[in-house]
Amino acid sequence: MSALHEDSSIVAPKSSALQMLYWRSEILQVMYWLRGEGFGDIVDAPMIERFLGVDAHRGVSYLDRLVEEGYLTADGEWYALSDFGLKQGAREFAESFSELTKPAHGECSDDCWCHASVDEADACMAHRVEHNHLMDQKHMPHNHNDGHNDGSAHDHH
């Protein structure tokens, strides 16, 4: 995850080796995202500067390095993801957002039948509610007295 500076700008690592890895990941992710959102398949250094905040002159050196490494192709001042870069960009993008795309506790995964049928969705929801109710009971103290000292006991089972 990118570190933020006080003024909300992204702070890259200090060592040149880590900077290259950092900017490779950031550039591939933004190019993958731009392509996926329909903003185009090609970028230039000013566009990278606009989206990532890296100086355009420095951005060109990173873009050129990514061409040398096979992640990008170049046509003049324009750059596009190679097939290899597209796969790596997808992987980097997925890893960056993996925590946000996982099902939350108690949610179904994308391959659950509840996404295909209203009846399955109802059954799935009923199962989750029952499961959560049983888990709540399991973790509640087994004191049959509900806190009232009036001699009346309430059975929560």
N, C-alpha and C. Protein backbone atom coordinates (compact mmCIF):
# COMPACT_ATOMS: atom_id res chain seq x y z
N MET A 1 0.84 -1.17 0.00
CA MET A 1 0.00 0.00 0.00
C MET A 1 0.88 1.23 0.00
N SER A 2 0.53 2.24 -0.71
CA SER A 2 1.30 3.46 -0.83
C SER A 2 1.23 4.28 0.45
N ALA A 3 2.39 4.78 0.87
CA ALA A 3 2.43 5.65 2.04
C ALA A 3 2.03 7.06 1.62
N LEU A 4 1.28 7.74 2.47
CA LEU A 4 0.86 9.10 2.17
C LEU A 4 1.66 10.09 2.99
N HIS A 5 2.07 11.16 2.38
CA HIS A 5 2.77 12.26 3.02
C HIS A 5 1.73 13.17 3.64
N GLU A 6 2.15 14.09 4.51
CA GLU A 6 1.23 15.01 5.19
C GLU A 6 0.30 15.74 4.22
N ASP A 7 0.79 16.10 3.05
CA ASP A 7 -0.03 16.85 2.09
C ASP A 7 -0.82 15.92 1.18
N SER A 8 -0.98 14.66 1.56
CA SER A 8 -1.75 13.64 0.84
C SER A 8 -1.10 13.18 -0.46
N SER A 9 0.17 13.51 -0.67
CA SER A 9 0.85 13.01 -1.86
C SER A 9 1.46 11.65 -1.53
N ILE A 10 1.63 10.83 -2.55
CA ILE A 10 2.18 9.49 -2.36
C ILE A 10 3.68 9.60 -2.15
N VAL A 11 4.19 8.86 -1.18
CA VAL A 11 5.62 8.85 -0.90
C VAL A 11 6.17 7.50 -1.36
N ALA A 12 7.07 7.55 -2.33
CA ALA A 12 7.69 6.34 -2.85
C ALA A 12 8.86 5.94 -1.96
N PRO A 13 9.31 4.68 -2.05
CA PRO A 13 10.48 4.25 -1.28
C PRO A 13 11.71 5.06 -1.65
N LYS A 14 12.72 5.01 -0.80
CA LYS A 14 13.94 5.80 -1.02
C LYS A 14 14.97 5.09 -1.90
N SER A 15 15.13 3.78 -1.77
CA SER A 15 16.16 3.08 -2.55
C SER A 15 15.71 2.94 -4.00
N SER A 16 16.67 3.01 -4.92
CA SER A 16 16.32 2.97 -6.34
C SER A 16 15.70 1.63 -6.74
N ALA A 17 16.17 0.52 -6.14
CA ALA A 17 15.60 -0.79 -6.48
C ALA A 17 14.14 -0.88 -6.06
N LEU A 18 13.84 -0.42 -4.84
CA LEU A 18 12.46 -0.45 -4.38
C LEU A 18 11.60 0.56 -5.13
N GLN A 19 12.19 1.70 -5.50
CA GLN A 19 11.44 2.69 -6.29
C GLN A 19 11.00 2.08 -7.61
N MET A 20 11.89 1.33 -8.26
CA MET A 20 11.54 0.73 -9.55
C MET A 20 10.40 -0.27 -9.38
N LEU A 21 10.48 -1.11 -8.34
CA LEU A 21 9.40 -2.07 -8.09
C LEU A 21 8.09 -1.35 -7.78
N TYR A 22 8.20 -0.31 -6.97
CA TYR A 22 7.02 0.46 -6.58
C TYR A 22 6.36 1.10 -7.80
N TRP A 23 7.16 1.81 -8.62
CA TRP A 23 6.58 2.50 -9.78
C TRP A 23 6.13 1.52 -10.85
N ARG A 24 6.81 0.38 -10.97
CA ARG A 24 6.34 -0.64 -11.92
C ARG A 24 4.93 -1.07 -11.53
N SER A 25 4.75 -1.38 -10.26
CA SER A 25 3.44 -1.81 -9.79
C SER A 25 2.39 -0.72 -10.00
N GLU A 26 2.71 0.51 -9.61
CA GLU A 26 1.76 1.62 -9.73
C GLU A 26 1.40 1.89 -11.19
N ILE A 27 2.41 1.91 -12.07
CA ILE A 27 2.16 2.19 -13.49
C ILE A 27 1.33 1.08 -14.13
N LEU A 28 1.69 -0.17 -13.87
CA LEU A 28 0.93 -1.28 -14.44
C LEU A 28 -0.51 -1.26 -13.95
N GLN A 29 -0.70 -0.97 -12.66
CA GLN A 29 -2.06 -0.91 -12.13
C GLN A 29 -2.88 0.20 -12.76
N VAL A 30 -2.30 1.39 -12.89
CA VAL A 30 -3.07 2.50 -13.44
C VAL A 30 -3.35 2.27 -14.92
N MET A 31 -2.41 1.69 -15.65
CA MET A 31 -2.65 1.41 -17.06
C MET A 31 -3.71 0.33 -17.22
N TYR A 32 -3.68 -0.68 -16.36
CA TYR A 32 -4.71 -1.73 -16.38
C TYR A 32 -6.07 -1.13 -16.06
N TRP A 33 -6.11 -0.27 -15.05
CA TRP A 33 -7.36 0.37 -14.64
C TRP A 33 -7.90 1.26 -15.77
N LEU A 34 -7.04 2.09 -16.36
CA LEU A 34 -7.47 2.97 -17.46
C LEU A 34 -8.06 2.15 -18.61
N ARG A 35 -7.41 1.06 -18.94
CA ARG A 35 -7.89 0.19 -20.01
C ARG A 35 -9.25 -0.41 -19.64
N GLY A 36 -9.37 -0.91 -18.42
CA GLY A 36 -10.60 -1.53 -17.96
C GLY A 36 -11.77 -0.56 -17.88
N GLU A 37 -11.49 0.69 -17.58
CA GLU A 37 -12.54 1.70 -17.48
C GLU A 37 -12.88 2.30 -18.84
N GLY A 38 -12.19 1.88 -19.89
CA GLY A 38 -12.48 2.36 -21.23
C GLY A 38 -11.86 3.71 -21.56
N PHE A 39 -10.82 4.10 -20.80
CA PHE A 39 -10.16 5.38 -21.06
C PHE A 39 -9.06 5.27 -22.10
N GLY A 40 -8.82 4.07 -22.59
CA GLY A 40 -7.83 3.89 -23.64
C GLY A 40 -6.75 2.91 -23.26
N ASP A 41 -6.05 2.47 -24.29
CA ASP A 41 -5.00 1.47 -24.12
C ASP A 41 -3.61 2.08 -24.10
N ILE A 42 -3.49 3.38 -24.39
CA ILE A 42 -2.17 4.00 -24.45
C ILE A 42 -2.09 5.18 -23.49
N VAL A 43 -0.87 5.40 -22.98
CA VAL A 43 -0.62 6.53 -22.08
C VAL A 43 0.67 7.22 -22.52
N ASP A 44 0.83 8.45 -22.06
CA ASP A 44 2.10 9.14 -22.22
C ASP A 44 2.55 9.57 -20.82
N ALA A 45 3.75 10.10 -20.71
CA ALA A 45 4.30 10.47 -19.41
C ALA A 45 3.44 11.50 -18.67
N PRO A 46 2.91 12.54 -19.36
CA PRO A 46 2.05 13.48 -18.63
C PRO A 46 0.80 12.82 -18.02
N MET A 47 0.27 11.80 -18.68
CA MET A 47 -0.89 11.11 -18.12
C MET A 47 -0.50 10.35 -16.86
N ILE A 48 0.67 9.71 -16.88
CA ILE A 48 1.16 9.00 -15.69
C ILE A 48 1.39 10.02 -14.57
N GLU A 49 1.93 11.17 -14.92
CA GLU A 49 2.14 12.23 -13.92
C GLU A 49 0.81 12.65 -13.31
N ARG A 50 -0.20 12.81 -14.13
CA ARG A 50 -1.52 13.25 -13.66
C ARG A 50 -2.15 12.23 -12.71
N PHE A 51 -2.03 10.95 -13.04
CA PHE A 51 -2.67 9.92 -12.22
C PHE A 51 -1.83 9.50 -11.02
N LEU A 52 -0.52 9.51 -11.14
CA LEU A 52 0.33 8.98 -10.07
C LEU A 52 1.17 10.03 -9.36
N GLY A 53 1.24 11.22 -9.89
CA GLY A 53 2.00 12.27 -9.23
C GLY A 53 3.51 12.18 -9.42
N VAL A 54 3.97 11.28 -10.29
CA VAL A 54 5.40 11.19 -10.56
C VAL A 54 5.74 12.21 -11.64
N ASP A 55 6.85 12.92 -11.47
CA ASP A 55 7.30 13.91 -12.45
C ASP A 55 7.37 13.26 -13.83
N ALA A 56 6.86 13.95 -14.85
CA ALA A 56 6.78 13.38 -16.21
C ALA A 56 8.14 12.93 -16.72
N HIS A 57 9.19 13.72 -16.46
CA HIS A 57 10.54 13.35 -16.91
C HIS A 57 10.97 12.04 -16.25
N ARG A 58 10.74 11.93 -14.95
CA ARG A 58 11.08 10.69 -14.24
C ARG A 58 10.16 9.55 -14.70
N GLY A 59 8.90 9.88 -14.96
CA GLY A 59 7.95 8.87 -15.42
C GLY A 59 8.39 8.23 -16.73
N VAL A 60 8.95 9.03 -17.64
CA VAL A 60 9.44 8.50 -18.92
C VAL A 60 10.53 7.46 -18.66
N SER A 61 11.41 7.73 -17.71
CA SER A 61 12.47 6.75 -17.44
C SER A 61 11.88 5.44 -16.92
N TYR A 62 10.84 5.52 -16.09
CA TYR A 62 10.18 4.29 -15.62
C TYR A 62 9.45 3.60 -16.77
N LEU A 63 8.77 4.37 -17.60
CA LEU A 63 8.06 3.79 -18.75
C LEU A 63 9.04 3.10 -19.69
N ASP A 64 10.16 3.77 -19.99
CA ASP A 64 11.17 3.17 -20.87
C ASP A 64 11.74 1.89 -20.27
N ARG A 65 11.95 1.89 -18.97
CA ARG A 65 12.47 0.69 -18.30
C ARG A 65 11.45 -0.45 -18.41
N LEU A 66 10.17 -0.13 -18.29
CA LEU A 66 9.14 -1.16 -18.41
C LEU A 66 9.06 -1.70 -19.84
N VAL A 67 9.40 -0.88 -20.82
CA VAL A 67 9.50 -1.36 -22.21
C VAL A 67 10.65 -2.36 -22.31
N GLU A 68 11.81 -1.99 -21.75
CA GLU A 68 12.98 -2.87 -21.77
C GLU A 68 12.68 -4.21 -21.10
N GLU A 69 11.89 -4.19 -20.04
CA GLU A 69 11.59 -5.41 -19.28
C GLU A 69 10.43 -6.20 -19.88
N GLY A 70 9.80 -5.68 -20.95
CA GLY A 70 8.75 -6.41 -21.64
C GLY A 70 7.34 -6.19 -21.12
N TYR A 71 7.16 -5.26 -20.18
CA TYR A 71 5.82 -4.99 -19.65
C TYR A 71 5.01 -4.07 -20.56
N LEU A 72 5.72 -3.19 -21.29
CA LEU A 72 5.07 -2.21 -22.15
C LEU A 72 5.65 -2.27 -23.55
N THR A 73 4.90 -1.72 -24.50
CA THR A 73 5.41 -1.45 -25.84
C THR A 73 5.37 0.06 -26.02
N ALA A 74 6.24 0.58 -26.87
CA ALA A 74 6.30 2.02 -27.08
C ALA A 74 6.15 2.35 -28.55
N ASP A 75 5.47 3.47 -28.80
CA ASP A 75 5.34 4.03 -30.14
C ASP A 75 5.53 5.53 -29.99
N GLY A 76 6.76 5.97 -30.17
CA GLY A 76 7.06 7.38 -29.93
C GLY A 76 6.94 7.68 -28.44
N GLU A 77 6.11 8.66 -28.12
CA GLU A 77 5.93 9.02 -26.70
C GLU A 77 4.74 8.31 -26.06
N TRP A 78 4.13 7.39 -26.79
CA TRP A 78 2.97 6.65 -26.28
C TRP A 78 3.36 5.25 -25.86
N TYR A 79 2.74 4.76 -24.80
CA TYR A 79 3.06 3.45 -24.23
C TYR A 79 1.78 2.65 -24.06
N ALA A 80 1.89 1.33 -24.29
CA ALA A 80 0.76 0.42 -24.12
C ALA A 80 1.24 -0.82 -23.38
N LEU A 81 0.32 -1.48 -22.69
CA LEU A 81 0.65 -2.73 -22.02
C LEU A 81 0.90 -3.82 -23.05
N SER A 82 1.98 -4.58 -22.87
CA SER A 82 2.19 -5.78 -23.68
C SER A 82 1.27 -6.86 -23.11
N ASP A 83 1.20 -8.01 -23.76
CA ASP A 83 0.41 -9.12 -23.22
C ASP A 83 0.90 -9.48 -21.82
N PHE A 84 2.22 -9.54 -21.66
CA PHE A 84 2.83 -9.84 -20.36
C PHE A 84 2.48 -8.74 -19.35
N GLY A 85 2.57 -7.49 -19.76
CA GLY A 85 2.24 -6.37 -18.88
C GLY A 85 0.78 -6.35 -18.48
N LEU A 86 -0.09 -6.74 -19.42
CA LEU A 86 -1.52 -6.80 -19.12
C LEU A 86 -1.80 -7.84 -18.04
N LYS A 87 -1.18 -9.01 -18.16
CA LYS A 87 -1.35 -10.06 -17.15
C LYS A 87 -0.80 -9.61 -15.80
N GLN A 88 0.38 -9.01 -15.83
CA GLN A 88 0.99 -8.55 -14.58
C GLN A 88 0.19 -7.40 -13.98
N GLY A 89 -0.30 -6.49 -14.81
CA GLY A 89 -1.14 -5.39 -14.33
C GLY A 89 -2.41 -5.90 -13.68
N ALA A 90 -3.03 -6.91 -14.27
CA ALA A 90 -4.24 -7.50 -13.69
C ALA A 90 -3.92 -8.12 -12.33
N ARG A 91 -2.79 -8.81 -12.25
CA ARG A 91 -2.38 -9.44 -10.99
C ARG A 91 -2.11 -8.38 -9.92
N GLU A 92 -1.37 -7.35 -10.28
CA GLU A 92 -1.04 -6.27 -9.33
C GLU A 92 -2.32 -5.58 -8.85
N PHE A 93 -3.22 -5.31 -9.78
CA PHE A 93 -4.48 -4.64 -9.46
C PHE A 93 -5.31 -5.50 -8.51
N ALA A 94 -5.42 -6.79 -8.83
CA ALA A 94 -6.20 -7.71 -7.99
C ALA A 94 -5.60 -7.82 -6.59
N GLU A 95 -4.27 -7.90 -6.50
CA GLU A 95 -3.63 -7.98 -5.19
C GLU A 95 -3.86 -6.72 -4.37
N SER A 96 -3.81 -5.58 -5.01
CA SER A 96 -4.00 -4.31 -4.29
C SER A 96 -5.40 -4.19 -3.71
N PHE A 97 -6.38 -4.76 -4.39
CA PHE A 97 -7.76 -4.61 -3.94
C PHE A 97 -8.34 -5.91 -3.38
N SER A 98 -7.49 -6.90 -3.13
CA SER A 98 -8.00 -8.20 -2.68
C SER A 98 -8.76 -8.12 -1.37
N GLU A 99 -8.34 -7.28 -0.46
CA GLU A 99 -9.05 -7.16 0.82
C GLU A 99 -10.45 -6.57 0.62
N LEU A 100 -10.60 -5.73 -0.38
CA LEU A 100 -11.89 -5.10 -0.62
C LEU A 100 -12.85 -5.98 -1.41
N THR A 101 -12.32 -6.98 -2.10
CA THR A 101 -13.18 -7.80 -2.95
C THR A 101 -13.52 -9.15 -2.34
N LYS A 102 -12.94 -9.46 -1.18
CA LYS A 102 -13.29 -10.72 -0.51
C LYS A 102 -14.68 -10.59 0.10
N PRO A 103 -15.41 -11.70 0.17
CA PRO A 103 -16.70 -11.63 0.86
C PRO A 103 -16.49 -11.28 2.33
N ALA A 104 -17.36 -10.46 2.87
CA ALA A 104 -17.29 -10.12 4.28
C ALA A 104 -17.73 -11.33 5.09
N HIS A 105 -17.46 -11.31 6.38
CA HIS A 105 -17.86 -12.42 7.25
C HIS A 105 -19.36 -12.64 7.12
N GLY A 106 -19.74 -13.86 6.81
CA GLY A 106 -21.15 -14.18 6.67
C GLY A 106 -21.71 -13.98 5.28
N GLU A 107 -20.93 -13.40 4.37
CA GLU A 107 -21.39 -13.22 2.99
C GLU A 107 -21.03 -14.45 2.16
N CYS A 108 -21.75 -14.61 1.09
CA CYS A 108 -21.48 -15.71 0.18
C CYS A 108 -20.39 -15.33 -0.82
N SER A 109 -19.76 -16.34 -1.36
CA SER A 109 -18.77 -16.09 -2.41
C SER A 109 -19.49 -15.91 -3.74
N ASP A 110 -18.75 -15.50 -4.75
CA ASP A 110 -19.34 -15.25 -6.07
C ASP A 110 -19.93 -16.50 -6.72
N ASP A 111 -19.46 -17.69 -6.32
CA ASP A 111 -19.96 -18.91 -6.95
C ASP A 111 -21.12 -19.56 -6.17
N CYS A 112 -21.66 -18.86 -5.18
CA CYS A 112 -22.79 -19.39 -4.41
C CYS A 112 -24.05 -19.41 -5.29
N TRP A 113 -24.87 -20.45 -5.11
CA TRP A 113 -26.11 -20.59 -5.88
C TRP A 113 -27.08 -19.45 -5.62
N CYS A 114 -26.93 -18.76 -4.50
CA CYS A 114 -27.89 -17.70 -4.17
C CYS A 114 -27.87 -16.56 -5.18
N HIS A 115 -26.81 -16.47 -5.97
CA HIS A 115 -26.73 -15.44 -7.00
C HIS A 115 -27.52 -15.81 -8.26
N ALA A 116 -27.95 -17.08 -8.34
CA ALA A 116 -28.62 -17.56 -9.55
C ALA A 116 -30.13 -17.69 -9.40
N SER A 117 -30.64 -17.67 -8.17
CA SER A 117 -32.06 -17.94 -7.98
C SER A 117 -32.57 -17.23 -6.73
N VAL A 118 -33.78 -16.70 -6.82
CA VAL A 118 -34.40 -16.04 -5.67
C VAL A 118 -34.64 -17.05 -4.56
N ASP A 119 -35.10 -18.26 -4.92
CA ASP A 119 -35.33 -19.30 -3.91
C ASP A 119 -34.03 -19.66 -3.19
N GLU A 120 -32.95 -19.80 -3.96
CA GLU A 120 -31.66 -20.11 -3.35
C GLU A 120 -31.19 -18.95 -2.46
N ALA A 121 -31.43 -17.72 -2.90
CA ALA A 121 -31.05 -16.55 -2.09
C ALA A 121 -31.79 -16.56 -0.76
N ASP A 122 -33.09 -16.86 -0.79
CA ASP A 122 -33.88 -16.92 0.45
C ASP A 122 -33.36 -18.03 1.37
N ALA A 123 -33.10 -19.20 0.79
CA ALA A 123 -32.60 -20.32 1.59
C ALA A 123 -31.22 -20.01 2.16
N CYS A 124 -30.39 -19.38 1.38
CA CYS A 124 -29.05 -19.04 1.82
C CYS A 124 -29.11 -18.03 2.97
N MET A 125 -29.97 -17.02 2.84
CA MET A 125 -30.12 -16.01 3.88
C MET A 125 -30.64 -16.65 5.16
N ALA A 126 -31.62 -17.54 5.05
CA ALA A 126 -32.16 -18.22 6.23
C ALA A 126 -31.07 -19.04 6.92
N HIS A 127 -30.25 -19.70 6.12
CA HIS A 127 -29.15 -20.49 6.68
C HIS A 127 -28.16 -19.59 7.42
N ARG A 128 -27.80 -18.46 6.82
CA ARG A 128 -26.85 -17.54 7.46
C ARG A 128 -27.42 -16.98 8.75
N VAL A 129 -28.71 -16.61 8.75
CA VAL A 129 -29.35 -16.07 9.95
C VAL A 129 -29.33 -17.13 11.05
N GLU A 130 -29.70 -18.35 10.72
CA GLU A 130 -29.71 -19.44 11.70
C GLU A 130 -28.30 -19.71 12.22
N HIS A 131 -27.33 -19.74 11.31
CA HIS A 131 -25.94 -19.98 11.70
C HIS A 131 -25.47 -18.87 12.65
N ASN A 132 -25.75 -17.62 12.31
CA ASN A 132 -25.34 -16.50 13.17
C ASN A 132 -26.03 -16.57 14.52
N HIS A 133 -27.31 -16.96 14.54
CA HIS A 133 -28.05 -17.08 15.80
C HIS A 133 -27.41 -18.17 16.68
N LEU A 134 -27.07 -19.30 16.06
CA LEU A 134 -26.44 -20.39 16.82
C LEU A 134 -25.06 -19.97 17.34
N MET A 135 -24.32 -19.21 16.53
CA MET A 135 -23.01 -18.74 16.97
C MET A 135 -23.16 -17.76 18.14
N ASP A 136 -24.17 -16.89 18.07
CA ASP A 136 -24.43 -15.97 19.18
C ASP A 136 -24.73 -16.73 20.46
N GLN A 137 -25.56 -17.77 20.35
CA GLN A 137 -25.91 -18.56 21.53
C GLN A 137 -24.69 -19.29 22.08
N LYS A 138 -23.85 -19.77 21.19
CA LYS A 138 -22.66 -20.49 21.61
C LYS A 138 -21.73 -19.60 22.43
N HIS A 139 -21.67 -18.33 22.08
CA HIS A 139 -20.74 -17.41 22.73
C HIS A 139 -21.36 -16.65 23.90
N MET A 140 -22.65 -16.85 24.15
CA MET A 140 -23.30 -16.19 25.29
C MET A 140 -23.02 -17.00 26.55
N PRO A 141 -22.93 -16.33 27.70
CA PRO A 141 -22.78 -17.08 28.95
C PRO A 141 -23.97 -18.01 29.14
N HIS A 142 -23.73 -19.16 29.68
CA HIS A 142 -24.78 -20.16 29.88
C HIS A 142 -25.50 -19.98 31.20
N ASN A 143 -25.64 -18.75 31.61
CA ASN A 143 -26.37 -18.44 32.83
C ASN A 143 -27.84 -18.35 32.48
N HIS A 144 -28.65 -19.21 33.05
CA HIS A 144 -30.07 -19.23 32.72
C HIS A 144 -30.81 -18.08 33.36
N ASN A 145 -30.18 -17.36 34.24
CA ASN A 145 -30.79 -16.19 34.86
C ASN A 145 -30.44 -15.00 33.97
N ASP A 146 -31.44 -14.24 33.55
CA ASP A 146 -31.20 -13.16 32.59
C ASP A 146 -30.72 -11.88 33.26
N GLY A 147 -30.33 -11.95 34.50
CA GLY A 147 -29.84 -10.77 35.18
C GLY A 147 -30.84 -10.21 36.15
N HIS A 148 -32.07 -10.69 36.09
CA HIS A 148 -33.09 -10.25 37.03
C HIS A 148 -32.99 -11.15 38.26
N ASN A 149 -33.03 -10.58 39.39
CA ASN A 149 -32.97 -11.37 40.61
C ASN A 149 -34.35 -11.54 41.21
N ASP A 150 -35.34 -11.65 40.37
CA ASP A 150 -36.71 -11.80 40.86
C ASP A 150 -37.14 -13.26 40.90
N GLY A 151 -36.18 -14.15 40.67
CA GLY A 151 -36.50 -15.57 40.73
C GLY A 151 -36.99 -16.13 39.42
N SER A 152 -37.28 -15.30 38.45
CA SER A 152 -37.74 -15.81 37.16
C SER A 152 -36.53 -16.07 36.28
N ALA A 153 -36.50 -17.20 35.67
CA ALA A 153 -35.40 -17.56 34.77
C ALA A 153 -35.93 -17.61 33.35
N HIS A 154 -35.14 -17.13 32.44
CA HIS A 154 -35.51 -17.16 31.02
C HIS A 154 -34.54 -18.09 30.32
N ASP A 155 -35.07 -19.06 29.64
CA ASP A 155 -34.24 -20.00 28.90
C ASP A 155 -33.98 -19.43 27.51
N HIS A 156 -32.72 -19.19 27.18
CA HIS A 156 -32.34 -18.62 25.88
C HIS A 156 -32.04 -19.70 24.86
N HIS A 157 -32.37 -20.93 25.15
CA HIS A 157 -32.01 -22.01 24.21
C HIS A 157 -33.17 -22.41 23.41
